[in-house]
Protein backbone atom coordinates (compact mmCIF):
# COMPACT_ATOMS: atom_id res chain seq x y z
CA MET A 1 176.70 79.79 79.30
CA THR A 2 173.54 77.95 80.16
CA SER A 3 169.85 79.81 80.78
CA ILE A 4 170.67 79.57 84.47
CA GLU A 5 173.79 81.27 84.38
CA LEU A 6 172.18 84.07 82.39
CA ALA A 7 169.36 84.63 84.63
CA LEU A 8 171.12 84.40 87.89
CA GLY A 9 174.22 86.53 86.19
CA ALA A 10 171.82 88.99 85.14
CA ALA A 11 171.06 89.97 88.73
CA ALA A 12 174.20 92.41 88.82
CA VAL A 13 173.13 94.28 85.56
CA LYS A 14 172.05 97.71 86.36
CA GLY A 15 168.35 98.47 86.14
CA ALA A 16 167.69 94.62 86.33
CA THR A 17 164.68 93.60 88.95
CA GLY A 18 163.38 90.31 89.75
CA PRO A 19 164.23 88.10 92.56
CA ALA A 20 167.87 87.13 92.05
CA THR A 21 168.72 90.89 91.99
CA ASN A 22 166.97 91.43 95.53
CA ALA A 23 168.80 88.13 96.82
CA LEU A 24 172.05 89.74 95.39
CA SER A 25 171.28 92.89 97.49
CA ARG A 26 170.10 91.08 100.15
CA TRP A 27 173.02 88.68 100.40
CA GLY A 28 175.84 90.29 99.25
CA ARG A 29 178.17 89.68 96.24
CA ARG A 30 180.08 86.65 98.32
CA LYS A 31 176.93 85.08 99.33
CA TYR A 32 175.50 85.11 95.73
CA ASP A 33 178.49 84.20 93.94
CA LYS A 34 178.69 81.11 96.18
CA PHE A 35 174.92 80.28 95.53
CA ILE A 36 175.55 80.61 91.88
CA ALA A 37 178.63 78.24 92.02
CA THR A 38 177.00 75.65 93.74
CA TYR A 39 173.78 75.40 91.84
CA THR A 40 174.56 76.44 88.45
CA ASN A 41 175.23 73.25 87.44
CA ALA A 42 172.96 71.22 89.49
CA LEU A 43 170.21 73.43 88.16
CA ALA A 44 171.06 73.61 84.56
CA THR A 45 171.19 69.47 84.76
CA TYR A 46 167.84 69.49 86.31
CA ILE A 47 166.22 72.14 84.07
CA THR A 48 167.52 69.95 80.60
CA ALA A 49 165.77 67.52 81.84
CA ALA A 50 162.62 68.90 82.99
CA VAL A 51 162.27 70.75 79.52
CA ASP A 52 163.21 67.38 77.78
CA HIS A 53 160.42 65.38 79.96
CA CYS A 54 157.99 68.48 79.42
CA SER A 55 158.76 69.31 75.99
CA CYS A 56 156.87 65.79 74.54
CA VAL A 57 153.71 63.91 75.39
CA LYS A 58 152.02 60.52 74.57
CA ASN A 59 148.32 59.66 74.06
CA ILE A 60 146.85 56.71 72.62
CA LEU A 61 147.64 58.08 69.11
CA TYR A 62 151.21 58.68 68.70
CA ARG A 63 151.96 55.16 70.24
CA ASP A 64 155.28 54.58 68.27
CA GLN A 65 156.61 58.31 68.92
CA LEU A 66 156.55 61.48 70.82
CA ALA A 67 154.50 64.18 70.05
CA LYS A 68 155.45 67.86 70.91
CA THR A 69 154.14 69.48 73.61
CA ASP A 70 153.63 72.74 71.93
CA GLU A 71 152.24 71.63 68.91
CA LYS A 72 149.35 69.69 70.45
CA TYR A 73 148.59 72.08 73.10
CA VAL A 74 145.75 74.02 73.29
CA ASN A 75 144.80 76.79 75.56
CA VAL A 76 143.09 75.67 78.73
CA ARG A 77 140.49 78.01 80.29
CA PHE A 78 139.55 78.06 84.19
CA ARG A 79 136.99 79.32 86.05
CA SER A 80 137.33 81.13 89.79
CA GLY A 81 134.81 82.54 92.32
CA THR A 82 136.04 86.03 90.34
CA GLY A 83 134.97 84.34 86.68
CA GLU A 84 137.21 83.02 83.83
CA THR A 85 140.37 83.56 83.02
CA GLU A 86 143.15 82.10 80.86
CA ASP A 87 146.31 80.15 81.14
CA MET A 88 148.65 83.09 80.30
CA ASN A 89 146.78 84.80 83.05
CA LEU A 90 147.68 81.96 85.75
CA LEU A 91 151.17 81.88 83.99
CA SER A 92 151.58 85.63 85.25
CA ALA A 93 150.05 84.62 88.26
CA LEU A 94 152.79 82.32 89.53
CA LEU A 95 155.76 84.39 88.13
CA HIS A 96 153.86 86.95 90.76
CA ASN A 97 154.33 84.43 93.76
CA ARG A 98 150.91 83.50 93.95
CA ARG A 99 149.83 80.10 94.69
CA VAL A 100 147.18 78.62 91.98
CA LEU A 101 145.26 75.05 92.49
CA VAL A 102 143.94 74.03 89.32
CA ARG A 103 141.10 71.22 89.69
CA GLY A 104 139.57 69.29 87.26
CA ARG A 105 138.61 65.76 86.02
CA GLY A 106 140.18 63.56 84.15
CA GLY A 107 141.28 64.37 80.91
CA ALA A 108 141.00 67.73 81.16
CA GLY A 109 144.45 68.81 79.95
CA LYS A 110 145.98 69.76 83.59
CA THR A 111 149.12 67.72 82.86
CA MET A 112 149.34 69.15 79.42
CA PHE A 113 148.99 72.92 81.28
CA THR A 114 151.92 72.14 83.67
CA LYS A 115 154.23 70.86 80.88
CA TRP A 116 152.99 74.18 78.91
CA THR A 117 153.88 76.20 82.29
CA THR A 118 157.43 74.48 82.77
CA LEU A 119 158.15 75.23 79.44
CA ARG A 120 157.24 78.98 79.26
CA ILE A 121 158.98 79.57 82.42
CA SER A 122 162.03 78.17 81.34
CA GLU A 123 162.66 79.60 77.94
CA THR A 124 161.91 83.45 80.02
CA LEU A 125 163.82 82.90 82.74
CA LEU A 126 166.04 85.62 81.92
CA ASN A 127 163.11 88.04 82.06
CA HIS A 128 161.60 86.83 85.50
CA GLN A 129 164.59 84.97 86.69
CA ARG A 130 162.71 82.56 88.32
CA ILE A 131 163.36 78.72 87.87
CA PRO A 132 161.02 76.50 87.45
CA ILE A 133 160.99 73.10 89.52
CA TYR A 134 158.67 70.69 87.92
CA ILE A 135 157.57 67.54 90.21
CA GLU A 136 154.83 64.48 89.27
CA LEU A 137 153.59 64.04 92.72
CA ARG A 138 153.08 60.60 91.88
CA GLU A 139 156.79 60.26 92.21
CA LEU A 140 156.78 61.15 95.87
CA ARG A 141 157.89 58.78 98.32
CA PHE A 142 157.72 59.41 101.82
CA ASP A 143 160.62 58.45 104.47
CA LYS A 144 160.55 58.75 108.12
CA ASP A 145 162.58 61.98 108.06
CA LEU A 146 160.69 63.88 105.34
CA GLU A 147 158.45 66.34 107.06
CA PHE A 148 158.87 69.20 105.03
CA PHE A 149 158.44 69.49 101.36
CA GLU A 150 161.39 71.73 100.77
CA ASP A 151 163.48 68.34 101.85
CA TYR A 152 161.87 66.80 98.87
CA ALA A 153 162.35 69.48 96.47
CA PHE A 154 165.96 69.59 97.60
CA ARG A 155 166.34 66.00 96.72
CA ALA A 156 164.79 66.47 93.41
CA VAL A 157 166.88 69.31 92.18
CA SER A 158 170.43 67.99 93.44
CA ASN A 159 173.48 66.85 91.68
CA ARG A 160 175.51 64.82 93.71
CA ARG A 161 178.40 65.96 91.96
CA THR A 162 178.12 69.55 92.64
CA LYS A 163 177.49 68.72 96.83
CA PRO A 164 174.80 71.32 96.86
CA ASN A 165 174.19 72.82 100.21
CA PHE A 166 170.76 72.75 101.97
CA GLN A 167 170.89 76.09 103.52
CA GLN A 168 171.87 77.60 100.17
CA PHE A 169 168.69 76.02 99.00
CA LYS A 170 166.24 77.35 101.16
CA ALA A 171 168.01 80.93 101.22
CA GLY A 172 166.88 80.48 97.38
CA LEU A 173 163.34 79.53 98.35
CA GLU A 174 162.92 83.02 101.09
CA ALA A 175 164.42 84.97 98.10
CA GLY A 176 161.71 83.44 95.53
CA LEU A 177 164.44 82.32 93.17
CA PHE A 178 162.13 79.08 92.10
CA VAL A 179 158.36 78.44 91.07
CA PHE A 180 157.06 75.11 91.59
CA ILE A 181 154.87 72.99 88.94
CA LEU A 182 153.04 70.28 91.27
CA ASP A 183 151.11 67.98 88.80
CA ALA A 184 148.51 65.30 90.09
CA ALA A 185 147.93 65.46 93.68
CA ASP A 186 145.31 63.03 93.51
CA GLU A 187 147.85 60.16 91.88
CA ILE A 188 149.81 60.51 95.77
CA SER A 189 148.99 57.03 97.37
CA LYS A 190 145.97 57.28 99.51
CA ASP A 191 148.12 56.12 102.42
CA HIS A 192 150.29 59.52 102.61
CA ARG A 193 148.05 61.87 100.37
CA HIS A 194 146.75 63.75 103.50
CA GLN A 195 150.61 64.30 104.65
CA ALA A 196 151.65 65.29 101.87
CA LEU A 197 148.77 67.86 101.01
CA LYS A 198 149.55 69.10 104.73
CA ILE A 199 153.14 69.81 103.99
CA ILE A 200 152.71 71.41 100.82
CA ASP A 201 150.30 73.52 102.17
CA ALA A 202 152.87 74.72 105.19
CA PHE A 203 155.50 74.89 102.60
CA ALA A 204 153.19 77.81 100.42
CA LYS A 205 152.58 79.35 103.80
CA HIS A 206 156.48 79.39 105.01
CA TYR A 207 157.74 80.80 101.32
CA PRO A 208 155.45 83.22 100.51
CA GLU A 209 157.80 84.58 97.88
CA VAL A 210 157.52 81.25 96.12
CA GLY A 211 154.89 80.91 93.00
CA ILE A 212 153.43 77.53 93.06
CA LEU A 213 150.95 75.61 90.50
CA LEU A 214 149.25 72.34 91.99
CA THR A 215 146.80 70.22 90.20
CA SER A 216 144.69 67.37 90.95
CA ARG A 217 141.16 65.90 90.71
CA ASP A 218 138.67 66.88 93.19
CA PHE A 219 138.72 64.64 96.39
CA THR A 220 137.54 65.64 99.89
CA GLU A 221 141.13 67.10 101.02
CA ILE A 222 141.86 69.19 98.33
CA GLY A 223 139.33 71.53 99.39
CA GLY A 224 141.16 72.12 102.20
CA MET A 225 144.44 73.61 100.47
CA THR A 226 143.67 77.18 102.04
CA SER A 227 146.93 78.92 100.91
CA PHE A 228 145.84 78.51 97.36
CA GLU A 229 143.49 80.30 94.85
CA HIS A 230 141.50 77.91 93.32
CA PHE A 231 140.42 77.48 89.79
CA GLU A 232 138.55 74.83 87.82
CA THR A 233 139.53 73.43 84.41
CA GLN A 234 136.26 74.67 81.60
CA PRO A 235 135.42 72.68 79.05
CA LEU A 236 136.59 73.28 75.27
CA SER A 237 134.54 75.61 73.70
CA ARG A 238 133.59 74.47 70.20
CA GLU A 239 136.47 76.23 68.61
CA GLN A 240 138.96 74.64 70.94
CA ALA A 241 137.87 71.05 70.36
CA LEU A 242 137.88 71.74 66.55
CA THR A 243 141.55 72.97 66.52
CA ILE A 244 142.63 69.73 68.91
CA LEU A 245 140.96 67.69 66.06
CA GLU A 246 142.86 69.82 63.26
CA LYS A 247 145.98 68.87 65.33
CA LEU A 248 145.74 65.51 65.62
CA ASP A 249 148.39 63.48 63.36
CA TYR A 250 145.24 61.06 61.79
CA ARG A 251 144.46 60.18 58.55
CA GLU A 252 142.72 63.25 56.76
CA ASP A 253 139.76 61.71 55.47
CA ILE A 254 138.37 60.37 58.64
CA LYS A 255 139.38 63.54 60.32
CA GLY A 256 137.75 65.65 57.92
CA THR A 257 134.68 63.92 57.73
CA LEU A 258 134.45 64.03 61.54
CA LEU A 259 135.03 67.68 61.37
CA ASP A 260 132.43 68.52 58.93
CA ASN A 261 129.94 66.27 61.15
CA ILE A 262 130.58 68.70 63.85
CA LYS A 263 130.23 71.75 61.93
CA ALA A 264 127.14 70.75 60.54
CA GLY A 265 125.40 71.47 63.56
CA ASN A 266 125.88 67.90 65.43
CA TYR A 267 128.34 69.71 68.38
CA ASP A 268 125.49 70.32 71.12
CA LYS A 269 124.43 66.61 70.73
CA HIS A 270 127.59 65.06 71.57
CA ALA A 271 129.11 68.07 73.67
CA PHE A 272 130.31 65.84 76.62
CA PHE A 273 132.63 64.07 73.80
CA LEU A 274 134.29 66.95 73.18
CA GLU A 275 134.56 68.61 76.66
CA ASN A 276 138.27 67.85 77.22
CA PRO A 277 141.43 66.89 74.72
CA LEU A 278 141.17 63.01 76.08
CA LEU A 279 138.03 62.67 75.12
CA VAL A 280 138.40 64.66 71.35
CA THR A 281 140.99 62.14 70.60
CA ILE A 282 138.83 59.04 71.57
CA LEU A 283 136.07 60.13 69.58
CA LEU A 284 137.98 60.54 66.44
CA LEU A 285 139.25 56.91 66.78
CA THR A 286 135.37 55.49 67.50
CA PHE A 287 134.12 57.69 64.83
CA ASP A 288 136.91 56.19 62.46
CA GLN A 289 135.25 52.23 63.45
CA SER A 290 131.51 53.09 63.21
CA ARG A 291 131.17 56.50 61.64
CA GLU A 292 128.91 57.19 64.57
CA ILE A 293 129.12 58.70 67.89
CA PRO A 294 127.75 56.86 71.11
CA VAL A 295 125.10 58.54 73.21
CA LYS A 296 126.74 56.90 76.43
CA ARG A 297 130.25 57.44 77.99
CA SER A 298 130.22 53.94 78.99
CA ALA A 299 129.83 53.01 75.29
CA PHE A 300 132.11 55.13 74.04
CA PHE A 301 134.91 54.05 76.23
CA LYS A 302 133.89 50.30 75.09
CA ARG A 303 134.31 51.39 71.41
CA ALA A 304 137.43 52.72 72.28
CA PHE A 305 138.71 49.64 73.42
CA GLU A 306 137.87 47.77 70.90
CA THR A 307 138.93 50.28 67.95
CA LEU A 308 142.70 50.08 69.76
CA TYR A 309 142.62 46.42 70.19
CA GLU A 310 142.03 45.61 66.65
CA ARG A 311 143.09 49.09 64.83
CA HIS A 312 145.70 49.55 62.32
CA ASP A 313 148.35 52.27 62.78
CA ALA A 314 145.54 55.43 62.57
CA SER A 315 148.35 57.70 60.51
CA LYS A 316 148.54 55.11 57.96
CA GLU A 317 145.86 54.12 55.06
CA GLY A 318 145.73 50.48 54.66
CA ALA A 319 148.34 49.35 57.63
CA LEU A 320 147.86 46.26 59.06
CA ALA A 321 146.94 45.38 62.66
CA ARG A 322 149.68 44.48 65.07
CA ASP A 323 149.98 40.97 66.37
CA HIS A 324 148.99 40.46 69.72
CA HIS A 325 151.78 38.55 72.11
CA ALA A 326 149.38 36.57 74.35
CA GLY A 327 146.85 35.76 71.44
CA LEU A 328 143.89 36.66 74.00
CA PRO A 329 140.50 37.11 72.03
CA MET A 330 139.28 40.44 72.89
CA ASP A 331 136.44 39.28 75.83
CA GLU A 332 139.58 37.64 77.77
CA PHE A 333 141.96 40.56 77.22
CA GLU A 334 138.95 42.61 78.71
CA ASP A 335 138.60 40.41 81.36
CA VAL A 336 142.21 40.20 82.71
CA PHE A 337 142.50 44.10 82.05
CA SER A 338 139.37 45.00 84.04
CA LEU A 339 140.82 42.87 86.88
CA PHE A 340 144.15 43.93 86.55
CA CYS A 341 142.55 47.77 86.58
CA TYR A 342 140.47 47.17 89.76
CA GLY A 343 142.91 45.83 91.69
CA THR A 344 145.53 48.51 90.95
CA TYR A 345 143.05 51.01 91.23
CA ILE A 346 141.66 50.16 94.74
CA ASN A 347 145.28 50.23 96.07
CA SER A 348 146.01 53.74 94.09
CA MET A 349 148.36 52.49 91.81
CA TYR A 350 148.70 54.47 89.06
CA ASN A 351 152.03 54.04 88.05
CA PHE A 352 154.50 50.82 87.64
CA THR A 353 158.00 49.39 87.41
CA GLN A 354 158.59 46.76 84.98
CA GLU A 355 158.42 44.13 87.74
CA GLU A 356 155.23 45.69 89.19
CA LEU A 357 153.20 45.85 86.12
CA VAL A 358 154.23 42.18 85.25
CA ALA A 359 153.31 40.94 88.97
CA ASN A 360 149.73 42.72 88.75
CA PHE A 361 149.04 40.96 85.85
CA ARG A 362 150.22 37.72 87.23
CA ALA A 363 148.00 38.32 89.83
CA ALA A 364 144.84 38.79 87.57
CA ILE A 365 145.33 36.09 85.51
CA GLN A 366 146.11 33.64 88.25
CA GLN A 367 142.57 34.77 90.36
CA LEU A 368 141.25 33.62 87.08
CA ASP A 369 142.83 30.68 86.41
CA LEU A 370 144.05 31.35 83.00
CA ASP A 371 147.13 29.64 81.76
CA GLU A 372 149.07 32.70 80.39
CA SER A 373 152.38 34.56 80.56
CA PRO A 374 151.75 37.93 82.54
CA THR A 375 154.88 39.26 80.73
CA ASP A 376 153.08 38.89 77.25
CA ILE A 377 149.96 40.20 78.39
CA ALA A 378 151.79 43.54 79.70
CA LYS A 379 153.51 43.78 76.49
CA ASP A 380 150.30 43.44 74.77
CA ALA A 381 148.62 46.17 77.39
CA GLU A 382 151.60 48.23 76.04
CA GLU A 383 152.69 47.82 72.55
CA SER A 384 149.58 46.05 70.95
CA VAL A 385 146.59 47.88 72.69
CA CYS A 386 148.28 51.23 73.94
CA LEU A 387 146.24 51.59 77.31
CA ILE A 388 149.21 51.34 79.12
CA VAL A 389 152.53 53.67 77.98
CA LYS A 390 156.20 53.97 79.23
CA GLU A 391 157.15 57.11 80.45
CA GLY A 392 160.90 57.00 81.69
CA HIS A 393 161.72 54.47 83.79
CA GLU A 394 157.82 53.40 84.74
CA PHE A 395 154.55 52.62 83.20
CA VAL A 396 151.36 54.39 83.55
CA PHE A 397 147.73 54.42 82.15
CA VAL A 398 147.47 56.61 78.97
CA HIS A 399 145.00 57.80 80.65
CA ARG A 400 143.49 57.30 84.13
CA ALA A 401 139.96 57.47 82.29
CA PHE A 402 140.57 53.78 81.27
CA GLN A 403 141.72 52.56 84.54
CA GLU A 404 138.21 53.72 85.52
CA TYR A 405 136.21 52.46 83.05
CA PHE A 406 137.63 48.50 83.22
CA THR A 407 137.34 48.84 87.15
CA ALA A 408 133.52 49.77 86.35
CA VAL A 409 133.46 46.79 83.67
CA TYR A 410 134.97 44.66 86.41
CA ILE A 411 132.43 45.39 89.31
CA LYS A 412 129.45 45.03 86.42
CA ASN A 413 130.74 41.52 85.72
CA TYR A 414 131.19 40.54 89.31
CA LYS A 415 128.46 37.88 90.54
CA ALA A 416 129.29 37.07 94.04
CA ASN A 417 127.13 38.09 96.99
CA ASP A 418 129.52 40.64 98.26
CA ILE A 419 128.93 43.01 95.26
CA GLY A 420 128.52 45.77 97.86
CA ASP A 421 131.85 45.23 99.29
CA ILE A 422 133.60 45.07 95.76
CA ILE A 423 131.86 48.47 95.02
CA GLU A 424 133.15 49.99 98.13
CA GLU A 425 136.37 49.32 97.65
CA ALA A 426 136.58 51.20 94.35
CA LEU A 427 134.59 54.03 95.58
CA ILE A 428 136.41 54.52 98.87
CA ASN A 429 139.74 53.48 98.76
CA GLY A 430 139.87 54.33 94.85
CA GLN A 431 138.47 58.01 95.52
CA GLY A 432 135.86 56.86 92.35
CA GLU A 433 134.98 60.03 90.28
CA ASN A 434 134.56 58.67 86.51
CA THR A 435 134.21 55.13 87.90
CA LEU A 436 130.93 55.46 89.70
CA GLU A 437 129.45 57.48 86.77
CA PHE A 438 130.30 54.55 84.31
CA LEU A 439 129.30 52.01 86.92
CA PHE A 440 125.85 53.96 86.85
CA GLU A 441 125.59 53.59 83.19
CA LEU A 442 126.77 49.97 82.85
CA ASP A 443 125.09 48.45 85.93
CA GLN A 444 122.72 50.76 88.03
CA PHE A 445 120.74 48.29 89.46
CA SER A 446 123.56 46.72 91.30
CA LEU A 447 124.98 50.39 92.12
CA GLU A 448 121.89 51.46 93.71
CA LYS A 449 120.02 48.56 94.96
CA ARG A 450 122.85 46.43 96.46
CA TYR A 451 125.08 49.16 97.84
CA VAL A 452 123.61 53.06 97.35
CA LEU A 453 120.51 52.15 99.05
CA PRO A 454 121.65 49.61 101.93
CA LYS A 455 124.09 52.40 103.14
CA LEU A 456 121.73 55.31 102.78
CA LYS A 457 119.36 53.21 105.22
CA ALA A 458 122.04 52.54 107.73
CA ILE A 459 122.81 56.20 107.41
CA ASN A 460 119.49 57.85 107.98
CA SER A 461 118.22 55.57 110.19
CA LYS A 462 120.83 57.40 112.95
CA PHE A 463 119.53 60.57 111.77
CA ARG A 464 116.26 59.50 112.24
CA LYS A 465 117.31 59.29 116.08
CA LEU A 466 117.19 62.91 116.12
CA ASP A 467 114.50 65.86 116.78
CA PHE A 468 115.95 69.12 114.47
CA GLY A 469 113.79 71.24 116.90
CA LYS A 470 116.04 70.77 119.56
CA ILE A 471 119.67 72.56 119.52
CA GLU A 472 121.38 69.69 121.46
CA ASP A 473 120.12 67.20 118.54
CA GLN A 474 121.30 69.76 116.07
CA ILE A 475 125.08 69.80 117.23
CA SER A 476 124.70 65.78 117.14
CA GLY A 477 123.60 65.60 113.72
CA LEU A 478 126.59 68.01 112.97
CA ALA A 479 128.94 65.78 115.15
CA LEU A 480 127.72 62.68 113.29
CA LEU A 481 129.24 64.24 109.93
CA PHE A 482 132.06 66.35 111.31
CA SER A 483 134.10 65.27 114.45
CA ARG A 484 135.93 68.78 114.05
CA PHE A 485 137.06 71.77 111.96
CA LYS A 486 140.06 74.54 112.07
CA ILE A 487 139.80 77.84 111.41
CA PHE A 488 142.45 80.64 111.16
CA GLU A 489 142.02 82.59 114.61
CA LYS A 490 142.71 86.01 113.38
CA THR A 491 140.43 85.99 110.77
CA GLY A 492 138.04 83.08 111.30
CA ALA A 493 138.85 81.75 107.68
CA PHE A 494 138.45 77.96 107.02
CA ALA A 495 141.90 75.98 107.66
CA SER A 496 140.85 72.36 107.73
CA LEU A 497 137.57 69.80 107.92
CA ARG A 498 137.83 66.37 109.36
CA PRO A 499 135.05 64.53 108.43
CA SER A 500 133.53 61.99 111.67
CA SER A 501 133.71 58.13 111.78
CA ARG A 502 130.56 57.48 113.13
CA ILE A 503 128.58 57.67 109.96
CA ASP A 504 130.04 57.09 106.27
CA ASN A 505 130.89 60.59 105.33
CA THR A 506 133.17 59.46 102.73
CA PHE A 507 130.31 57.43 100.94
CA LEU A 508 128.15 60.74 100.82
CA PHE A 509 130.97 62.52 99.14
CA ALA A 510 131.75 59.69 96.67
CA ILE A 511 128.35 59.52 95.19
CA SER A 512 127.95 62.91 94.92
CA ASN A 513 128.60 63.07 91.57
CA ILE A 514 125.52 60.84 90.46
CA TYR A 515 123.37 61.99 93.47
CA PRO A 516 124.39 65.70 94.16
CA GLN A 517 122.09 66.15 97.30
CA THR A 518 124.55 63.84 99.18
CA ASN A 519 127.63 65.99 99.39
CA THR A 520 127.66 66.91 102.65
CA LEU A 521 130.50 69.58 102.30
CA ARG A 522 127.44 71.84 100.94
CA ILE A 523 126.92 72.61 104.77
CA PHE A 524 129.80 74.64 104.90
CA PHE A 525 130.74 75.24 101.16
CA GLY A 526 127.61 75.87 99.97
CA GLY A 527 126.22 79.30 99.03
CA GLU A 528 128.23 82.30 97.46
CA HIS A 529 131.35 82.01 99.68
CA ALA A 530 132.69 78.79 98.42
CA HIS A 531 136.23 79.14 100.14
CA ASP A 532 135.34 81.39 102.69
CA PRO A 533 132.49 79.69 104.30
CA PHE A 534 132.91 80.80 107.68
CA LYS A 535 132.86 84.26 107.15
CA GLU A 536 129.39 84.27 109.22
CA LEU A 537 130.74 82.55 112.07
CA PRO A 538 130.39 84.46 115.41
CA LEU A 539 134.59 84.27 115.89
CA GLU A 540 134.68 85.77 119.14
CA LYS A 541 132.16 83.08 120.95
CA ILE A 542 133.87 80.62 118.90
CA ARG A 543 137.09 81.59 120.91
CA LYS A 544 135.60 81.46 124.05
CA SER A 545 133.62 78.68 123.82
CA ARG A 546 134.72 75.44 125.83
CA SER A 547 134.58 73.77 122.37
CA SER A 548 137.32 74.98 120.67
CA ARG A 549 141.02 75.39 121.40
CA ARG A 550 143.81 77.04 120.43
CA GLU A 551 147.00 75.55 118.34
CA LYS A 552 149.70 76.53 115.81
CA ASN A 553 150.08 74.67 112.23
CA LEU A 554 153.63 73.88 110.79
CA SER A 555 154.18 77.69 110.11
CA ASP A 556 153.46 78.92 113.43
CA ILE A 557 150.17 80.20 112.37
CA GLU A 558 147.46 80.33 115.02
CA LEU A 559 144.32 78.37 114.48
CA LEU A 560 141.10 77.54 116.36
CA ASP A 561 140.23 73.35 116.57
CA VAL A 562 136.53 73.30 117.07
CA SER A 563 134.55 70.50 118.10
CA PHE A 564 130.93 70.19 117.79
CA SER A 565 130.04 69.09 121.53
CA PRO A 566 127.32 70.02 123.98
CA THR A 567 129.11 73.53 124.82
CA SER A 568 128.81 74.52 121.25
CA SER A 569 125.18 75.89 121.76
CA ASP A 570 126.56 79.19 122.69
CA TRP A 571 127.65 79.91 119.07
CA VAL A 572 126.14 77.16 116.82
CA THR A 573 122.43 79.10 117.37
CA GLU A 574 123.76 82.29 115.81
CA THR A 575 124.86 80.61 112.56
CA ASP A 576 122.70 78.98 109.68
CA LEU A 577 124.61 75.66 109.69
CA PRO A 578 121.65 73.39 111.64
CA LYS A 579 119.00 74.92 109.16
CA ARG A 580 122.11 73.60 106.24
CA LEU A 581 121.38 70.37 108.04
CA GLU A 582 118.23 69.67 108.42
CA LEU A 583 117.90 70.65 104.42
CA LEU A 584 120.62 67.93 103.94
CA VAL A 585 118.78 65.60 105.69
CA GLN A 586 115.58 65.92 103.95
CA ASP A 587 117.37 65.31 100.98
CA LEU A 588 118.76 62.11 102.06
CA PHE A 589 115.41 60.93 103.08
CA ALA A 590 113.82 61.62 99.94
CA LEU A 591 116.65 60.28 98.14
CA GLU A 592 116.24 57.13 100.30
CA GLU A 593 112.71 56.99 99.47
CA ALA A 594 112.73 57.25 95.70
CA LEU A 595 115.48 54.31 95.38
CA ASP A 596 113.21 52.01 97.83
CA ALA A 597 110.11 53.03 95.45
CA LYS A 598 111.77 52.44 92.55
CA TYR A 599 112.91 48.87 93.46
CA SER A 600 109.70 47.96 95.36
CA GLU A 601 107.79 49.01 91.65
CA LYS A 602 110.18 47.03 89.73
CA VAL A 603 109.86 43.85 92.10
CA SER A 604 105.83 44.16 91.73
CA LYS A 605 105.99 44.78 88.08
CA VAL A 606 107.77 41.40 87.17
CA ARG A 607 105.11 39.48 90.10
CA LYS A 608 102.03 41.14 88.16
CA ARG A 609 103.77 40.19 84.83
CA PHE A 610 104.49 36.37 85.60
CA SER A 611 101.00 35.99 87.92
CA GLY A 612 99.45 33.41 85.48
CA PHE A 613 102.11 31.07 86.16
CA GLY A 614 102.25 28.42 89.33
CA ARG A 615 99.96 25.95 90.96
CA GLY A 616 96.82 28.37 90.47
């Protein structure tokens, strides 16, 4: 008897509690038995596959073998508006029908957490009667007829041989028989990301008995997931970082020396490289090569690449370096791989079929006019250098941080006059997070002088036309940034926000990792109420204003759709939005002035240095 049969069958046991027991009571024995007969085999097959997938993990150390998730997992800590919490608390929240959004940077352990969560839920089915549905969102494919997330979920768990019934599946959702674990919303194709988040949010509202875990890196739209409690991953503690190092399968002498180095008091000096599991792993590799730790992150990843390109088998002392199929020198392979990363990054490609992998390497070597086999280079990327790994039937980056680093390398080496457009594609279409920071270290001049400063001047020129002492200009300034926002009519709580196309709001948000003062969302999301920014808005006046209109979302919940227009003055004046806007604009002006002075001064210094040359 499978765990599904045991869990669903346990509903009839006297004194049993849980969603299956509730479903039995609500549906009656006949309907409940029909559900079990239909779904037992389909769900058992699905869960077996999901558990197999979640039980193992690959990374840059374990290139020839799968490591056990439970052996390598280190408990993740999270922070929300109410303080810090632990992974076991979030697991408990999911089993009590809560919706949890975990946000964090690349390498923070989000995927490991989703796999760990799936394993814990599956092994305790008998206790809570909830069935885990694990979905990697990069696999999400949108058909014209896919309007609701339950349609996709039904396809994901269905087994054709059992001929499952969609209405029965919906009944299971309504009864709370499932917990959904949705990994990496940021890896959904950018063309479908907005639609995907919309249907996931609607799904969460429509099925209040279903627990949902959603993970993602930060991007503009993810803040609008109002059905979810928001949590952020926290950096590893010193003890957690040491535990991860101790668990890695690596030469004990190298590992021991690094552990001694950190324990001797060098933790604070290199805290960045120990803040998440990926960086800890890379740190070990780079330390093996040089016995020192780079100061800059870009140097850190460069050294990691050099180590991977030339390294022996890390677990065996004295093992020989692997052959390279294409035989390219390291610098030429870096040229090809950085172009491959840039091209795939701006097209939001994070996973590939075999054919897509080879095709994109072919495009790179053709641009570089190299006479090499794209198949051999793809093999090198996977087998020799281990920057690409195979997961199931597809290939993915060993971690997206490498794709972002090499995208920045490509931009650094790009010398044509359209460098601004090249940066724009990466930061806007690629949702550049780490890419921007890598580029800031690798080529700050090109980033600031040829891209940030011209864009900032164009935006500020529009704000300079406004008189912020006049309410009509204050509203015009808000409308430059945001075309409209939506709030729930009953409570006034935030539902969604639509940036305006009149200025490059996305640019300002994209560069806010380097220049926090450009984050336009702080107009609404600043202050104490990070996830209830409209708490103080005059809701009754907004209801009566001609700048708002009523509508319903997919779950039939009433919303107010509010725009910034001349008729907004009757409620905007009662908020601090104009003051927040003015402070933002002052910061944008100050940043432009600082960059202007910085690069004008550089030119002046060069002129002065060579003033003795010329015709006299």
